[in-house]
């Protein structure tokens, strides 16, 4: 396999997507874990945790997509 070949580009893209999916799944697990108490009992503290969980999920999505895009742009632009 040569650098710049279609197979090489496919492997690079696959690894970038794999890292992004792992990052998103970690944020999703943490966010859902924080949102769970609001389903069990409704009070101010659990509502605060639910909002924190939603924020963590949104920030993780933005972070994962931005990192994946920047890695994709840096690596595959030069090939």
PDB file of N, CA and C in Angstrom:
ATOM      1  N   UNK A   1       0.843  -1.167   0.000  1.00  0.00           N
ATOM      2  CA  UNK A   1       0.000   0.000   0.000  1.00  0.00           C
ATOM      3  C   UNK A   1       0.897   1.242   0.000  1.00  0.00           C
ATOM      4  N   UNK A   2       0.660   2.118  -0.932  1.00  0.00           N
ATOM      5  CA  UNK A   2       1.441   3.342  -1.036  1.00  0.00           C
ATOM      6  C   UNK A   2       0.708   4.492  -0.363  1.00  0.00           C
ATOM      7  N   UNK A   3       1.493   5.442   0.082  1.00  0.00           N
ATOM      8  CA  UNK A   3       0.892   6.630   0.685  1.00  0.00           C
ATOM      9  C   UNK A   3       0.178   7.412  -0.408  1.00  0.00           C
ATOM     10  N   UNK A   4      -1.064   7.749  -0.157  1.00  0.00           N
ATOM     11  CA  UNK A   4      -1.860   8.494  -1.123  1.00  0.00           C
ATOM     12  C   UNK A   4      -2.745   7.626  -1.991  1.00  0.00           C
ATOM     13  N   UNK A   5      -2.619   6.316  -1.865  1.00  0.00           N
ATOM     14  CA  UNK A   5      -3.468   5.425  -2.653  1.00  0.00           C
ATOM     15  C   UNK A   5      -4.895   5.460  -2.100  1.00  0.00           C
ATOM     16  N   UNK A   6      -5.864   5.046  -2.906  1.00  0.00           N
ATOM     17  CA  UNK A   6      -7.251   5.035  -2.411  1.00  0.00           C
ATOM     18  C   UNK A   6      -7.438   4.168  -1.163  1.00  0.00           C
ATOM     19  N   UNK A   7      -6.712   3.058  -1.096  1.00  0.00           N
ATOM     20  CA  UNK A   7      -6.811   2.191   0.082  1.00  0.00           C
ATOM     21  C   UNK A   7      -6.281   2.906   1.326  1.00  0.00           C
ATOM     22  N   UNK A   8      -5.177   3.644   1.164  1.00  0.00           N
ATOM     23  CA  UNK A   8      -4.595   4.390   2.273  1.00  0.00           C
ATOM     24  C   UNK A   8      -5.547   5.484   2.745  1.00  0.00           C
ATOM     25  N   UNK A   9      -6.147   6.199   1.809  1.00  0.00           N
ATOM     26  CA  UNK A   9      -7.107   7.246   2.166  1.00  0.00           C
ATOM     27  C   UNK A   9      -8.320   6.656   2.879  1.00  0.00           C
ATOM     28  N   UNK A  10      -8.753   5.483   2.431  1.00  0.00           N
ATOM     29  CA  UNK A  10      -9.903   4.831   3.056  1.00  0.00           C
ATOM     30  C   UNK A  10      -9.579   4.427   4.496  1.00  0.00           C
ATOM     31  N   UNK A  11      -8.377   3.901   4.721  1.00  0.00           N
ATOM     32  CA  UNK A  11      -7.983   3.521   6.077  1.00  0.00           C
ATOM     33  C   UNK A  11      -7.859   4.739   6.991  1.00  0.00           C
ATOM     34  N   UNK A  12      -7.320   5.843   6.455  1.00  0.00           N
ATOM     35  CA  UNK A  12      -7.227   7.064   7.251  1.00  0.00           C
ATOM     36  C   UNK A  12      -8.609   7.582   7.626  1.00  0.00           C
ATOM     37  N   UNK A  13      -9.513   7.591   6.652  1.00  0.00           N
ATOM     38  CA  UNK A  13     -10.870   8.056   6.911  1.00  0.00           C
ATOM     39  C   UNK A  13     -11.567   7.159   7.926  1.00  0.00           C
ATOM     40  N   UNK A  14     -11.356   5.864   7.792  1.00  0.00           N
ATOM     41  CA  UNK A  14     -11.973   4.904   8.716  1.00  0.00           C
ATOM     42  C   UNK A  14     -11.470   5.122  10.144  1.00  0.00           C
ATOM     43  N   UNK A  15     -10.180   5.378  10.311  1.00  0.00           N
ATOM     44  CA  UNK A  15      -9.639   5.588  11.657  1.00  0.00           C
ATOM     45  C   UNK A  15     -10.115   6.910  12.250  1.00  0.00           C
ATOM     46  N   UNK A  16     -10.261   7.941  11.424  1.00  0.00           N
ATOM     47  CA  UNK A  16     -10.768   9.225  11.913  1.00  0.00           C
ATOM     48  C   UNK A  16     -12.210   9.076  12.378  1.00  0.00           C
ATOM     49  N   UNK A  17     -13.024   8.375  11.605  1.00  0.00           N
ATOM     50  CA  UNK A  17     -14.426   8.156  11.984  1.00  0.00           C
ATOM     51  C   UNK A  17     -14.511   7.308  13.252  1.00  0.00           C
ATOM     52  N   UNK A  18     -13.633   6.331  13.378  1.00  0.00           N
ATOM     53  CA  UNK A  18     -13.623   5.463  14.557  1.00  0.00           C
ATOM     54  C   UNK A  18     -13.334   6.269  15.824  1.00  0.00           C
ATOM     55  N   UNK A  19     -12.376   7.178  15.758  1.00  0.00           N
ATOM     56  CA  UNK A  19     -12.048   8.019  16.908  1.00  0.00           C
ATOM     57  C   UNK A  19     -13.210   8.946  17.244  1.00  0.00           C
ATOM     58  N   UNK A  20     -13.854   9.506  16.220  1.00  0.00           N
ATOM     59  CA  UNK A  20     -14.996  10.399  16.458  1.00  0.00           C
ATOM     60  C   UNK A  20     -16.153   9.648  17.108  1.00  0.00           C
ATOM     61  N   UNK A  21     -16.410   8.436  16.662  1.00  0.00           N
ATOM     62  CA  UNK A  21     -17.504   7.646  17.242  1.00  0.00           C
ATOM     63  C   UNK A  21     -17.199   7.285  18.697  1.00  0.00           C
ATOM     64  N   UNK A  22     -15.955   6.959  18.996  1.00  0.00           N
ATOM     65  CA  UNK A  22     -15.584   6.662  20.385  1.00  0.00           C
ATOM     66  C   UNK A  22     -15.782   7.885  21.271  1.00  0.00           C
ATOM     67  N   UNK A  23     -15.383   9.051  20.783  1.00  0.00           N
ATOM     68  CA  UNK A  23     -15.544  10.276  21.561  1.00  0.00           C
ATOM     69  C   UNK A  23     -17.013  10.584  21.802  1.00  0.00           C
ATOM     70  N   UNK A  24     -17.825  10.437  20.760  1.00  0.00           N
ATOM     71  CA  UNK A  24     -19.261  10.695  20.895  1.00  0.00           C
ATOM     72  C   UNK A  24     -19.894   9.710  21.871  1.00  0.00           C
ATOM     73  N   UNK A  25     -19.496   8.449  21.800  1.00  0.00           N
ATOM     74  CA  UNK A  25     -20.110   7.453  22.687  1.00  0.00           C
ATOM     75  C   UNK A  25     -19.736   7.691  24.147  1.00  0.00           C
ATOM     76  N   UNK A  26     -18.515   8.132  24.406  1.00  0.00           N
ATOM     77  CA  UNK A  26     -18.123   8.446  25.786  1.00  0.00           C
ATOM     78  C   UNK A  26     -18.959   9.605  26.323  1.00  0.00           C
ATOM     79  N   UNK A  27     -19.119  10.651  25.521  1.00  0.00           N
ATOM     80  CA  UNK A  27     -19.937  11.785  25.944  1.00  0.00           C
ATOM     81  C   UNK A  27     -21.388  11.411  26.126  1.00  0.00           C
ATOM     82  N   UNK A  28     -21.886  10.536  25.263  1.00  0.00           N
ATOM     83  CA  UNK A  28     -23.275  10.099  25.365  1.00  0.00           C
ATOM     84  C   UNK A  28     -23.510   9.295  26.641  1.00  0.00           C
ATOM     85  N   UNK A  29     -22.587   8.419  26.974  1.00  0.00           N
ATOM     86  CA  UNK A  29     -22.722   7.613  28.195  1.00  0.00           C
ATOM     87  C   UNK A  29     -22.689   8.514  29.436  1.00  0.00           C
ATOM     88  N   UNK A  30     -21.740   9.439  29.476  1.00  0.00           N
ATOM     89  CA  UNK A  30     -21.647  10.339  30.630  1.00  0.00           C
ATOM     90  C   UNK A  30     -22.890  11.221  30.725  1.00  0.00           C
ATOM     91  N   UNK A  31     -23.332  11.756  29.586  1.00  0.00           N
ATOM     92  CA  UNK A  31     -24.515  12.610  29.586  1.00  0.00           C
ATOM     93  C   UNK A  31     -25.767  11.878  30.009  1.00  0.00           C
ATOM     94  N   UNK A  32     -25.961  10.673  29.505  1.00  0.00           N
ATOM     95  CA  UNK A  32     -27.142   9.893  29.894  1.00  0.00           C
ATOM     96  C   UNK A  32     -27.080   9.481  31.363  1.00  0.00           C
ATOM     97  N   UNK A  33     -25.873   9.204  31.842  1.00  0.00           N
ATOM     98  CA  UNK A  33     -25.705   8.863  33.256  1.00  0.00           C
ATOM     99  C   UNK A  33     -26.120  10.033  34.146  1.00  0.00           C
ATOM    100  N   UNK A  34     -25.793  11.260  33.720  1.00  0.00           N
ATOM    101  CA  UNK A  34     -26.188  12.432  34.495  1.00  0.00           C
ATOM    102  C   UNK A  34     -27.679  12.741  34.360  1.00  0.00           C
ATOM    103  N   UNK A  35     -28.290  12.343  33.255  1.00  0.00           N
ATOM    104  CA  UNK A  35     -29.707  12.620  33.035  1.00  0.00           C
ATOM    105  C   UNK A  35     -30.611  11.596  33.723  1.00  0.00           C
ATOM    106  N   UNK A  36     -30.087  10.461  34.093  1.00  0.00           N
ATOM    107  CA  UNK A  36     -30.897   9.390  34.677  1.00  0.00           C
ATOM    108  C   UNK A  36     -31.625   9.780  35.967  1.00  0.00           C
ATOM    109  N   UNK A  37     -30.991  10.486  36.923  1.00  0.00           N
ATOM    110  CA  UNK A  37     -31.722  10.823  38.160  1.00  0.00           C
ATOM    111  C   UNK A  37     -32.983  11.650  37.928  1.00  0.00           C
ATOM    112  N   UNK A  38     -33.029  12.421  36.874  1.00  0.00           N
ATOM    113  CA  UNK A  38     -34.218  13.226  36.613  1.00  0.00           C
ATOM    114  C   UNK A  38     -35.393  12.358  36.186  1.00  0.00           C
ATOM    115  N   UNK A  39     -35.127  11.174  35.668  1.00  0.00           N
ATOM    116  CA  UNK A  39     -36.206  10.253  35.319  1.00  0.00           C
ATOM    117  C   UNK A  39     -36.776   9.565  36.557  1.00  0.00           C
ATOM    118  N   UNK A  40     -35.938   9.350  37.557  1.00  0.00           N
ATOM    119  CA  UNK A  40     -36.353   8.655  38.768  1.00  0.00           C
ATOM    120  C   UNK A  40     -37.096   9.597  39.716  1.00  0.00           C
ATOM    121  N   UNK A  41     -36.513  10.757  39.948  1.00  0.00           N
ATOM    122  CA  UNK A  41     -37.113  11.705  40.897  1.00  0.00           C
ATOM    123  C   UNK A  41     -36.955  13.114  40.348  1.00  0.00           C
ATOM    124  N   UNK A  42     -38.026  13.874  40.389  1.00  0.00           N
ATOM    125  CA  UNK A  42     -38.050  15.219  39.831  1.00  0.00           C
ATOM    126  C   UNK A  42     -37.816  16.239  40.949  1.00  0.00           C
ATOM    127  N   UNK A  43     -36.634  16.820  40.980  1.00  0.00           N
ATOM    128  CA  UNK A  43     -36.350  17.925  41.899  1.00  0.00           C
ATOM    129  C   UNK A  43     -35.306  18.837  41.256  1.00  0.00           C
ATOM    130  N   UNK A  44     -34.936  19.892  41.941  1.00  0.00           N
ATOM    131  CA  UNK A  44     -34.042  20.892  41.354  1.00  0.00           C
ATOM    132  C   UNK A  44     -32.658  20.308  41.064  1.00  0.00           C
ATOM    133  N   UNK A  45     -32.162  19.485  41.970  1.00  0.00           N
ATOM    134  CA  UNK A  45     -30.832  18.912  41.770  1.00  0.00           C
ATOM    135  C   UNK A  45     -30.799  17.984  40.559  1.00  0.00           C
ATOM    136  N   UNK A  46     -31.805  17.116  40.436  1.00  0.00           N
ATOM    137  CA  UNK A  46     -31.828  16.196  39.298  1.00  0.00           C
ATOM    138  C   UNK A  46     -32.074  16.946  37.993  1.00  0.00           C
ATOM    139  N   UNK A  47     -32.837  18.038  38.047  1.00  0.00           N
ATOM    140  CA  UNK A  47     -33.012  18.857  36.846  1.00  0.00           C
ATOM    141  C   UNK A  47     -31.695  19.516  36.439  1.00  0.00           C
ATOM    142  N   UNK A  48     -30.921  19.949  37.422  1.00  0.00           N
ATOM    143  CA  UNK A  48     -29.606  20.517  37.128  1.00  0.00           C
ATOM    144  C   UNK A  48     -28.672  19.490  36.516  1.00  0.00           C
ATOM    145  N   UNK A  49     -28.709  18.271  37.049  1.00  0.00           N
ATOM    146  CA  UNK A  49     -27.894  17.199  36.470  1.00  0.00           C
ATOM    147  C   UNK A  49     -28.340  16.870  35.050  1.00  0.00           C
ATOM    148  N   UNK A  50     -29.654  16.911  34.804  1.00  0.00           N
ATOM    149  CA  UNK A  50     -30.166  16.628  33.461  1.00  0.00           C
ATOM    150  C   UNK A  50     -29.696  17.688  32.475  1.00  0.00           C
ATOM    151  N   UNK A  51     -29.714  18.938  32.893  1.00  0.00           N
ATOM    152  CA  UNK A  51     -29.229  20.012  32.020  1.00  0.00           C
ATOM    153  C   UNK A  51     -27.733  19.853  31.777  1.00  0.00           C
ATOM    154  N   UNK A  52     -26.982  19.506  32.823  1.00  0.00           N
ATOM    155  CA  UNK A  52     -25.546  19.276  32.661  1.00  0.00           C
ATOM    156  C   UNK A  52     -25.288  18.114  31.703  1.00  0.00           C
ATOM    157  N   UNK A  53     -26.096  17.069  31.793  1.00  0.00           N
ATOM    158  CA  UNK A  53     -25.951  15.933  30.881  1.00  0.00           C
ATOM    159  C   UNK A  53     -26.217  16.324  29.443  1.00  0.00           C
ATOM    160  N   UNK A  54     -27.249  17.143  29.224  1.00  0.00           N
ATOM    161  CA  UNK A  54     -27.548  17.606  27.867  1.00  0.00           C
ATOM    162  C   UNK A  54     -26.420  18.466  27.319  1.00  0.00           C
ATOM    163  N   UNK A  55     -25.881  19.327  28.163  1.00  0.00           N
ATOM    164  CA  UNK A  55     -24.774  20.188  27.734  1.00  0.00           C
ATOM    165  C   UNK A  55     -23.549  19.348  27.398  1.00  0.00           C
ATOM    166  N   UNK A  56     -23.260  18.341  28.208  1.00  0.00           N
ATOM    167  CA  UNK A  56     -22.104  17.476  27.942  1.00  0.00           C
ATOM    168  C   UNK A  56     -22.280  16.741  26.618  1.00  0.00           C
ATOM    169  N   UNK A  57     -23.474  16.255  26.344  1.00  0.00           N
ATOM    170  CA  UNK A  57     -23.722  15.557  25.080  1.00  0.00           C
ATOM    171  C   UNK A  57     -23.521  16.500  23.900  1.00  0.00           C
ATOM    172  N   UNK A  58     -24.064  17.702  23.982  1.00  0.00           N
ATOM    173  CA  UNK A  58     -23.944  18.670  22.881  1.00  0.00           C
ATOM    174  C   UNK A  58     -22.494  19.085  22.673  1.00  0.00           C
ATOM    175  N   UNK A  59     -21.788  19.375  23.763  1.00  0.00           N
ATOM    176  CA  UNK A  59     -20.384  19.789  23.643  1.00  0.00           C
ATOM    177  C   UNK A  59     -19.530  18.653  23.096  1.00  0.00           C
ATOM    178  N   UNK A  60     -19.800  17.427  23.512  1.00  0.00           N
ATOM    179  CA  UNK A  60     -19.044  16.282  23.003  1.00  0.00           C
ATOM    180  C   UNK A  60     -19.280  16.088  21.510  1.00  0.00           C
ATOM    181  N   UNK A  61     -20.523  16.264  21.064  1.00  0.00           N
ATOM    182  CA  UNK A  61     -20.812  16.161  19.631  1.00  0.00           C
ATOM    183  C   UNK A  61     -20.048  17.220  18.840  1.00  0.00           C
ATOM    184  N   UNK A  62     -20.092  18.457  19.315  1.00  0.00           N
ATOM    185  CA  UNK A  62     -19.382  19.541  18.628  1.00  0.00           C
ATOM    186  C   UNK A  62     -17.885  19.270  18.617  1.00  0.00           C
ATOM    187  N   UNK A  63     -17.340  18.836  19.753  1.00  0.00           N
ATOM    188  CA  UNK A  63     -15.910  18.557  19.854  1.00  0.00           C
ATOM    189  C   UNK A  63     -15.494  17.419  18.920  1.00  0.00           C
ATOM    190  N   UNK A  64     -16.262  16.341  18.910  1.00  0.00           N
ATOM    191  CA  UNK A  64     -15.913  15.189  18.076  1.00  0.00           C
ATOM    192  C   UNK A  64     -15.963  15.551  16.595  1.00  0.00           C
ATOM    193  N   UNK A  65     -16.999  16.281  16.185  1.00  0.00           N
ATOM    194  CA  UNK A  65     -17.086  16.661  14.779  1.00  0.00           C
ATOM    195  C   UNK A  65     -15.984  17.641  14.388  1.00  0.00           C
ATOM    196  N   UNK A  66     -15.640  18.566  15.280  1.00  0.00           N
ATOM    197  CA  UNK A  66     -14.583  19.519  14.942  1.00  0.00           C
ATOM    198  C   UNK A  66     -13.221  18.836  14.869  1.00  0.00           C
ATOM    199  N   UNK A  67     -12.940  17.933  15.789  1.00  0.00           N
ATOM    200  CA  UNK A  67     -11.668  17.207  15.755  1.00  0.00           C
ATOM    201  C   UNK A  67     -11.593  16.312  14.521  1.00  0.00           C
ATOM    202  N   UNK A  68     -12.691  15.621  14.216  1.00  0.00           N
ATOM    203  CA  UNK A  68     -12.697  14.748  13.037  1.00  0.00           C
ATOM    204  C   UNK A  68     -12.506  15.561  11.765  1.00  0.00           C
ATOM    205  N   UNK A  69     -13.167  16.701  11.664  1.00  0.00           N
ATOM    206  CA  UNK A  69     -13.030  17.527  10.469  1.00  0.00           C
ATOM    207  C   UNK A  69     -11.616  18.071  10.338  1.00  0.00           C
ATOM    208  N   UNK A  70     -11.033  18.534  11.449  1.00  0.00           N
ATOM    209  CA  UNK A  70      -9.682  19.087  11.365  1.00  0.00           C
ATOM    210  C   UNK A  70      -8.660  18.003  11.029  1.00  0.00           C
ATOM    211  N   UNK A  71      -8.801  16.806  11.604  1.00  0.00           N
ATOM    212  CA  UNK A  71      -7.887  15.710  11.263  1.00  0.00           C
ATOM    213  C   UNK A  71      -8.040  15.308   9.796  1.00  0.00           C
ATOM    214  N   UNK A  72      -9.285  15.234   9.354  1.00  0.00           N
ATOM    215  CA  UNK A  72      -9.544  14.885   7.958  1.00  0.00           C
ATOM    216  C   UNK A  72      -8.935  15.932   7.036  1.00  0.00           C
ATOM    217  N   UNK A  73      -9.108  17.197   7.376  1.00  0.00           N
ATOM    218  CA  UNK A  73      -8.606  18.279   6.533  1.00  0.00           C
ATOM    219  C   UNK A  73      -7.079  18.282   6.502  1.00  0.00           C
ATOM    220  N   UNK A  74      -6.430  18.069   7.659  1.00  0.00           N
ATOM    221  CA  UNK A  74      -4.973  18.093   7.723  1.00  0.00           C
ATOM    222  C   UNK A  74      -4.348  16.899   7.009  1.00  0.00           C
ATOM    223  N   UNK A  75      -4.903  15.707   7.186  1.00  0.00           N
ATOM    224  CA  UNK A  75      -4.253  14.514   6.645  1.00  0.00           C
ATOM    225  C   UNK A  75      -4.558  14.301   5.172  1.00  0.00           C
ATOM    226  N   UNK A  76      -5.791  14.454   4.771  1.00  0.00           N
ATOM    227  CA  UNK A  76      -6.144  14.115   3.398  1.00  0.00           C
ATOM    228  C   UNK A  76      -5.984  15.277   2.424  1.00  0.00           C
ATOM    229  N   UNK A  77      -5.777  16.473   2.930  1.00  0.00           N
ATOM    230  CA  UNK A  77      -5.551  17.608   2.042  1.00  0.00           C
ATOM    231  C   UNK A  77      -4.184  17.496   1.368  1.00  0.00           C
ATOM    232  N   UNK A  78      -3.207  16.965   2.088  1.00  0.00           N
ATOM    233  CA  UNK A  78      -1.844  16.899   1.568  1.00  0.00           C
ATOM    234  C   UNK A  78      -1.573  15.662   0.722  1.00  0.00           C
ATOM    235  N   UNK A  79      -2.496  14.712   0.693  1.00  0.00           N
ATOM    236  CA  UNK A  79      -2.250  13.479  -0.065  1.00  0.00           C
ATOM    237  C   UNK A  79      -2.622  13.623  -1.505  1.00  0.00           C
TER     238      UNK A  79
END
